[in-house]
Amino acid sequence: MAARRATRAGIEQVRFSAAEAEPLLDRALSEAAAGRLRPVVGQTFPLSEAARAHTAIEAREVLGKTLPAAG
């Protein structure tokens, strides 16, 4: 990256004003409602294993969202 004089930013560094964010939110919600935008669910855990789920999240061992198991 240094050789290309490139930088990187994490999602926590992305900032939008309300005027910039509103049309992006509207589009994201429209795409989700149309079924073209879906979250990635990496894994599920039974509620009884919530501590293990938190450990996995904190250790960055998960991809996508971690959810309680349905049931």
N, C-alpha and C. Protein backbone atom coordinates (compact mmCIF):
# COMPACT_ATOMS: atom_id res chain seq x y z
N MET A 1 0.81 -1.18 0.00
CA MET A 1 0.00 0.00 0.00
C MET A 1 0.87 1.26 0.00
N ALA A 2 1.95 1.22 0.76
CA ALA A 2 2.80 2.39 0.84
C ALA A 2 3.40 2.72 -0.53
N ALA A 3 3.79 1.68 -1.26
CA ALA A 3 4.39 1.90 -2.58
C ALA A 3 3.40 2.55 -3.54
N ARG A 4 2.14 2.26 -3.35
CA ARG A 4 1.10 2.85 -4.21
C ARG A 4 0.51 4.12 -3.63
N ARG A 5 1.02 4.52 -2.48
CA ARG A 5 0.51 5.69 -1.76
C ARG A 5 -0.99 5.57 -1.49
N ALA A 6 -1.37 4.35 -1.17
CA ALA A 6 -2.78 4.08 -0.87
C ALA A 6 -2.99 4.10 0.63
N THR A 7 -4.20 4.34 1.03
CA THR A 7 -4.57 4.28 2.44
C THR A 7 -5.75 3.34 2.58
N ARG A 8 -6.02 2.96 3.80
CA ARG A 8 -7.19 2.13 4.06
C ARG A 8 -7.95 2.72 5.23
N ALA A 9 -9.23 2.50 5.22
CA ALA A 9 -10.08 2.98 6.31
C ALA A 9 -10.99 1.85 6.75
N GLY A 10 -11.18 1.74 8.03
CA GLY A 10 -12.12 0.76 8.56
C GLY A 10 -13.52 1.34 8.52
N ILE A 11 -14.51 0.48 8.66
CA ILE A 11 -15.90 0.92 8.61
C ILE A 11 -16.18 1.95 9.71
N GLU A 12 -15.47 1.84 10.82
CA GLU A 12 -15.69 2.79 11.92
C GLU A 12 -15.25 4.21 11.56
N GLN A 13 -14.48 4.35 10.50
CA GLN A 13 -14.01 5.67 10.09
C GLN A 13 -14.89 6.31 9.02
N VAL A 14 -15.86 5.57 8.52
CA VAL A 14 -16.75 6.10 7.49
C VAL A 14 -17.79 6.98 8.16
N ARG A 15 -17.91 8.19 7.71
CA ARG A 15 -18.86 9.14 8.29
C ARG A 15 -19.67 9.78 7.17
N PHE A 16 -20.96 9.86 7.37
CA PHE A 16 -21.84 10.53 6.43
C PHE A 16 -22.67 11.56 7.17
N SER A 17 -22.94 12.65 6.50
CA SER A 17 -23.89 13.60 7.07
C SER A 17 -25.28 13.01 6.90
N ALA A 18 -26.26 13.56 7.59
CA ALA A 18 -27.64 13.08 7.46
C ALA A 18 -28.11 13.18 6.01
N ALA A 19 -27.73 14.26 5.33
CA ALA A 19 -28.14 14.45 3.93
C ALA A 19 -27.52 13.40 3.02
N GLU A 20 -26.31 12.94 3.33
CA GLU A 20 -25.66 11.90 2.54
C GLU A 20 -26.20 10.51 2.91
N ALA A 21 -26.48 10.30 4.18
CA ALA A 21 -26.89 8.98 4.65
C ALA A 21 -28.32 8.61 4.26
N GLU A 22 -29.21 9.58 4.24
CA GLU A 22 -30.63 9.27 3.99
C GLU A 22 -30.87 8.57 2.65
N PRO A 23 -30.33 9.07 1.52
CA PRO A 23 -30.57 8.34 0.27
C PRO A 23 -29.90 6.97 0.24
N LEU A 24 -28.78 6.82 0.92
CA LEU A 24 -28.12 5.52 0.99
C LEU A 24 -28.97 4.53 1.79
N LEU A 25 -29.53 5.00 2.89
CA LEU A 25 -30.40 4.16 3.70
C LEU A 25 -31.65 3.78 2.92
N ASP A 26 -32.26 4.75 2.24
CA ASP A 26 -33.45 4.47 1.44
C ASP A 26 -33.16 3.41 0.39
N ARG A 27 -32.02 3.52 -0.27
CA ARG A 27 -31.67 2.53 -1.30
C ARG A 27 -31.43 1.16 -0.68
N ALA A 28 -30.70 1.11 0.43
CA ALA A 28 -30.42 -0.17 1.08
C ALA A 28 -31.72 -0.84 1.51
N LEU A 29 -32.65 -0.09 2.08
CA LEU A 29 -33.91 -0.67 2.51
C LEU A 29 -34.75 -1.13 1.32
N SER A 30 -34.72 -0.39 0.23
CA SER A 30 -35.44 -0.80 -0.98
C SER A 30 -34.87 -2.09 -1.55
N GLU A 31 -33.54 -2.18 -1.59
CA GLU A 31 -32.89 -3.39 -2.10
C GLU A 31 -33.20 -4.59 -1.19
N ALA A 32 -33.19 -4.38 0.12
CA ALA A 32 -33.51 -5.47 1.05
C ALA A 32 -34.96 -5.90 0.87
N ALA A 33 -35.87 -4.94 0.75
CA ALA A 33 -37.29 -5.26 0.57
C ALA A 33 -37.53 -6.03 -0.73
N ALA A 34 -36.73 -5.75 -1.74
CA ALA A 34 -36.86 -6.43 -3.04
C ALA A 34 -36.16 -7.78 -3.04
N GLY A 35 -35.48 -8.12 -1.95
CA GLY A 35 -34.80 -9.41 -1.86
C GLY A 35 -33.45 -9.45 -2.52
N ARG A 36 -32.92 -8.29 -2.89
CA ARG A 36 -31.62 -8.24 -3.56
C ARG A 36 -30.46 -7.96 -2.60
N LEU A 37 -30.76 -7.71 -1.37
CA LEU A 37 -29.74 -7.42 -0.36
C LEU A 37 -30.07 -8.26 0.86
N ARG A 38 -29.18 -9.17 1.18
CA ARG A 38 -29.41 -10.07 2.30
C ARG A 38 -28.18 -10.10 3.20
N PRO A 39 -28.39 -10.16 4.51
CA PRO A 39 -27.24 -10.25 5.41
C PRO A 39 -26.58 -11.62 5.31
N VAL A 40 -25.30 -11.66 5.57
CA VAL A 40 -24.57 -12.92 5.63
C VAL A 40 -24.63 -13.39 7.07
N VAL A 41 -25.25 -14.54 7.29
CA VAL A 41 -25.29 -15.13 8.63
C VAL A 41 -24.21 -16.19 8.67
N GLY A 42 -23.16 -15.89 9.41
CA GLY A 42 -22.02 -16.80 9.48
C GLY A 42 -22.29 -18.01 10.32
N GLN A 43 -22.94 -17.82 11.46
CA GLN A 43 -23.24 -18.95 12.32
C GLN A 43 -24.32 -18.56 13.31
N THR A 44 -24.94 -19.59 13.86
CA THR A 44 -25.94 -19.38 14.90
C THR A 44 -25.54 -20.18 16.14
N PHE A 45 -25.98 -19.71 17.28
CA PHE A 45 -25.72 -20.38 18.55
C PHE A 45 -27.03 -20.47 19.32
N PRO A 46 -27.25 -21.57 20.03
CA PRO A 46 -28.40 -21.60 20.93
C PRO A 46 -28.19 -20.55 22.02
N LEU A 47 -29.27 -20.02 22.53
CA LEU A 47 -29.17 -18.99 23.56
C LEU A 47 -28.37 -19.48 24.76
N SER A 48 -28.43 -20.76 25.04
CA SER A 48 -27.67 -21.32 26.17
C SER A 48 -26.16 -21.21 25.95
N GLU A 49 -25.74 -20.95 24.70
CA GLU A 49 -24.31 -20.82 24.39
C GLU A 49 -23.94 -19.37 24.05
N ALA A 50 -24.68 -18.43 24.62
CA ALA A 50 -24.42 -17.02 24.35
C ALA A 50 -22.98 -16.62 24.69
N ALA A 51 -22.46 -17.16 25.79
CA ALA A 51 -21.09 -16.82 26.18
C ALA A 51 -20.10 -17.28 25.11
N ARG A 52 -20.32 -18.47 24.55
CA ARG A 52 -19.44 -18.97 23.48
C ARG A 52 -19.57 -18.11 22.23
N ALA A 53 -20.77 -17.66 21.94
CA ALA A 53 -20.99 -16.78 20.79
C ALA A 53 -20.22 -15.47 20.97
N HIS A 54 -20.30 -14.89 22.16
CA HIS A 54 -19.59 -13.64 22.42
C HIS A 54 -18.08 -13.84 22.32
N THR A 55 -17.59 -14.97 22.81
CA THR A 55 -16.16 -15.27 22.71
C THR A 55 -15.73 -15.36 21.25
N ALA A 56 -16.53 -16.01 20.42
CA ALA A 56 -16.20 -16.15 19.00
C ALA A 56 -16.20 -14.79 18.31
N ILE A 57 -17.18 -13.95 18.64
CA ILE A 57 -17.23 -12.60 18.04
C ILE A 57 -16.01 -11.79 18.46
N GLU A 58 -15.72 -11.79 19.75
CA GLU A 58 -14.59 -11.01 20.26
C GLU A 58 -13.27 -11.49 19.68
N ALA A 59 -13.15 -12.78 19.41
CA ALA A 59 -11.92 -13.34 18.85
C ALA A 59 -11.88 -13.20 17.33
N ARG A 60 -12.90 -12.59 16.77
CA ARG A 60 -13.00 -12.39 15.32
C ARG A 60 -12.94 -13.72 14.57
N GLU A 61 -13.63 -14.71 15.11
CA GLU A 61 -13.67 -16.03 14.49
C GLU A 61 -14.90 -16.23 13.61
N VAL A 62 -15.70 -15.20 13.47
CA VAL A 62 -16.96 -15.33 12.73
C VAL A 62 -16.93 -14.48 11.47
N LEU A 63 -17.66 -14.91 10.49
CA LEU A 63 -17.84 -14.15 9.26
C LEU A 63 -19.30 -13.81 9.15
N GLY A 64 -19.64 -12.58 8.90
CA GLY A 64 -21.03 -12.19 8.81
C GLY A 64 -21.63 -12.00 10.18
N LYS A 65 -22.93 -12.16 10.24
CA LYS A 65 -23.65 -11.96 11.49
C LYS A 65 -23.70 -13.25 12.30
N THR A 66 -23.69 -13.10 13.62
CA THR A 66 -23.87 -14.22 14.52
C THR A 66 -25.20 -14.03 15.21
N LEU A 67 -26.08 -15.03 15.09
CA LEU A 67 -27.44 -14.90 15.58
C LEU A 67 -27.80 -16.04 16.53
N PRO A 68 -28.83 -15.80 17.36
CA PRO A 68 -29.33 -16.91 18.16
C PRO A 68 -30.02 -17.91 17.24
N ALA A 69 -29.90 -19.17 17.57
CA ALA A 69 -30.52 -20.22 16.75
C ALA A 69 -32.04 -20.12 16.89
N ALA A 70 -32.72 -20.34 15.78
CA ALA A 70 -34.19 -20.34 15.79
C ALA A 70 -34.66 -21.58 16.53
N GLY A 71 -35.75 -21.43 17.22
CA GLY A 71 -36.26 -22.65 17.80
C GLY A 71 -36.84 -22.46 19.09
